[in-house]
């Protein structure tokens, strides 16, 4: 069965850090762009970060640049999102998703439902 499993969410104080993981099963990340979306209460889902396995390119939303780092471990078929200096406005459900034959330069214009595979979310709560 093909699936993505997101984990690592939790409650953290402002200024703290968390690392999210997105593990793939049933497929590998070859030729995929893998990214994170988030949806805060009452807001639309937004793309946060992407990594393209084909060219090792990355993309970050302006709101997280300099604070979040995305990486990939192909041996473990896992993508990580290291989140530092967290702010209350980072509070959201975070979803990982993957799309084949797309680079991050195009992924950033794609929506969540354009992804080939989408995982269940993991909740990140940042207290002030």
Protein backbone atom coordinates (compact mmCIF):
# COMPACT_ATOMS: atom_id res chain seq x y z
CA UNK A 1 0.00 0.00 0.00
CA UNK A 2 1.33 3.42 -0.95
CA UNK A 3 1.19 5.97 1.79
CA UNK A 4 2.89 8.90 3.48
CA UNK A 5 3.08 9.02 7.24
CA UNK A 6 3.70 12.36 8.93
CA UNK A 7 4.84 12.54 12.55
CA UNK A 8 6.65 14.77 15.00
CA UNK A 9 4.04 17.34 15.83
CA UNK A 10 3.39 18.52 19.36
CA UNK A 11 3.15 21.43 21.72
CA UNK A 12 6.11 23.78 21.99
CA UNK A 13 6.70 27.24 23.38
CA UNK A 14 7.43 30.17 21.11
CA UNK A 15 11.10 30.18 20.18
CA UNK A 16 11.31 26.42 20.43
CA UNK A 17 11.99 23.76 17.81
CA UNK A 18 10.34 20.67 16.39
CA UNK A 19 11.27 18.22 13.66
CA UNK A 20 8.57 16.75 11.49
CA UNK A 21 9.09 13.51 9.58
CA UNK A 22 7.33 12.25 6.48
CA UNK A 23 7.97 8.58 5.78
CA UNK A 24 6.97 6.94 2.52
CA UNK A 25 5.94 3.33 2.17
CA UNK A 26 5.14 1.49 -1.03
CA UNK A 27 7.21 3.85 -3.17
CA UNK A 28 10.46 5.82 -3.17
CA UNK A 29 11.05 9.52 -3.67
CA UNK A 30 12.86 9.12 -6.98
CA UNK A 31 11.63 11.80 -9.41
CA UNK A 32 9.35 13.27 -6.76
CA UNK A 33 8.99 16.67 -5.21
CA UNK A 34 8.02 16.23 -1.58
CA UNK A 35 6.67 19.04 0.45
CA UNK A 36 4.80 20.25 3.47
CA UNK A 37 1.53 22.12 3.57
CA UNK A 38 -0.14 23.52 6.64
CA UNK A 39 -3.59 24.63 7.58
CA UNK A 40 -4.26 26.87 10.53
CA UNK A 41 -7.73 27.16 12.09
CA UNK A 42 -9.98 29.27 9.90
CA UNK A 43 -7.36 29.66 7.19
CA UNK A 44 -6.68 28.12 3.83
CA UNK A 45 -4.08 25.39 3.43
CA UNK A 46 -0.76 26.81 2.27
CA UNK A 47 2.46 25.37 0.90
CA UNK A 48 5.30 25.71 3.38
CA UNK A 49 8.34 23.96 1.94
CA UNK A 50 9.39 21.58 -0.80
CA UNK A 51 12.40 19.49 -1.73
CA UNK A 52 12.95 18.03 -5.16
CA UNK A 53 14.88 14.80 -5.27
CA UNK A 54 15.71 15.22 -8.97
CA UNK A 55 17.77 18.38 -8.65
CA UNK A 56 18.06 18.76 -4.87
CA UNK A 57 16.30 22.13 -5.08
CA UNK A 58 14.28 23.47 -2.21
CA UNK A 59 11.57 26.05 -1.70
CA UNK A 60 10.36 27.88 1.38
CA UNK A 61 7.41 30.14 1.88
CA UNK A 62 8.47 33.65 2.87
CA UNK A 63 6.89 33.20 6.28
CA UNK A 64 9.27 30.37 7.22
CA UNK A 65 12.48 31.30 5.40
CA UNK A 66 15.47 31.26 7.70
CA UNK A 67 13.59 29.29 10.36
CA UNK A 68 12.63 26.01 8.66
CA UNK A 69 14.92 23.56 6.89
CA UNK A 70 13.76 20.69 4.70
CA UNK A 71 15.91 17.65 4.02
CA UNK A 72 15.59 14.17 2.57
CA UNK A 73 17.02 10.80 3.54
CA UNK A 74 16.54 8.58 0.51
CA UNK A 75 17.82 5.49 2.32
CA UNK A 76 14.93 5.85 4.76
CA UNK A 77 12.46 7.29 2.22
CA UNK A 78 11.85 10.07 4.70
CA UNK A 79 11.65 13.83 4.40
CA UNK A 80 12.26 16.01 7.44
CA UNK A 81 11.16 19.53 8.26
CA UNK A 82 13.31 21.07 10.97
CA UNK A 83 11.39 23.99 12.45
CA UNK A 84 13.22 26.47 14.65
CA UNK A 85 12.33 29.75 16.32
CA UNK A 86 8.70 28.73 16.17
CA UNK A 87 6.04 31.39 16.45
CA UNK A 88 2.40 31.14 17.52
CA UNK A 89 1.38 31.81 13.92
CA UNK A 90 3.08 28.53 12.96
CA UNK A 91 0.33 26.69 14.80
CA UNK A 92 -1.40 24.47 12.26
CA UNK A 93 -1.94 20.94 11.07
CA UNK A 94 1.01 20.06 8.88
CA UNK A 95 0.59 17.69 5.94
CA UNK A 96 3.24 16.11 3.76
CA UNK A 97 2.56 15.40 0.11
CA UNK A 98 4.48 14.17 -2.91
CA UNK A 99 4.12 14.68 -6.64
CA UNK A 100 6.06 12.91 -9.36
CA UNK A 101 7.91 14.57 -12.24
CA UNK A 102 7.72 18.04 -10.77
CA UNK A 103 10.45 20.30 -9.43
CA UNK A 104 9.98 22.66 -6.50
CA UNK A 105 10.07 25.62 -8.87
CA UNK A 106 6.70 24.35 -10.17
CA UNK A 107 5.53 22.71 -6.93
CA UNK A 108 5.20 26.11 -5.26
CA UNK A 109 2.42 26.98 -7.69
CA UNK A 110 0.61 23.68 -7.19
CA UNK A 111 -2.10 23.07 -4.67
CA UNK A 112 -2.41 20.31 -2.09
CA UNK A 113 -4.92 18.37 -4.17
CA UNK A 114 -2.58 18.39 -7.18
CA UNK A 115 -0.23 16.08 -5.28
CA UNK A 116 -0.05 12.38 -6.17
CA UNK A 117 0.17 11.25 -2.56
CA UNK A 118 -1.00 13.05 0.56
CA UNK A 119 -0.45 12.00 4.15
CA UNK A 120 -2.55 12.58 7.24
CA UNK A 121 -1.65 15.66 9.17
CA UNK A 122 0.32 16.18 12.34
CA UNK A 123 -0.65 19.00 14.68
CA UNK A 124 1.88 21.64 15.70
CA UNK A 125 0.85 23.99 18.48
CA UNK A 126 3.08 26.90 19.45
CA UNK A 127 2.20 28.64 22.69
CA UNK A 128 3.11 32.26 23.37
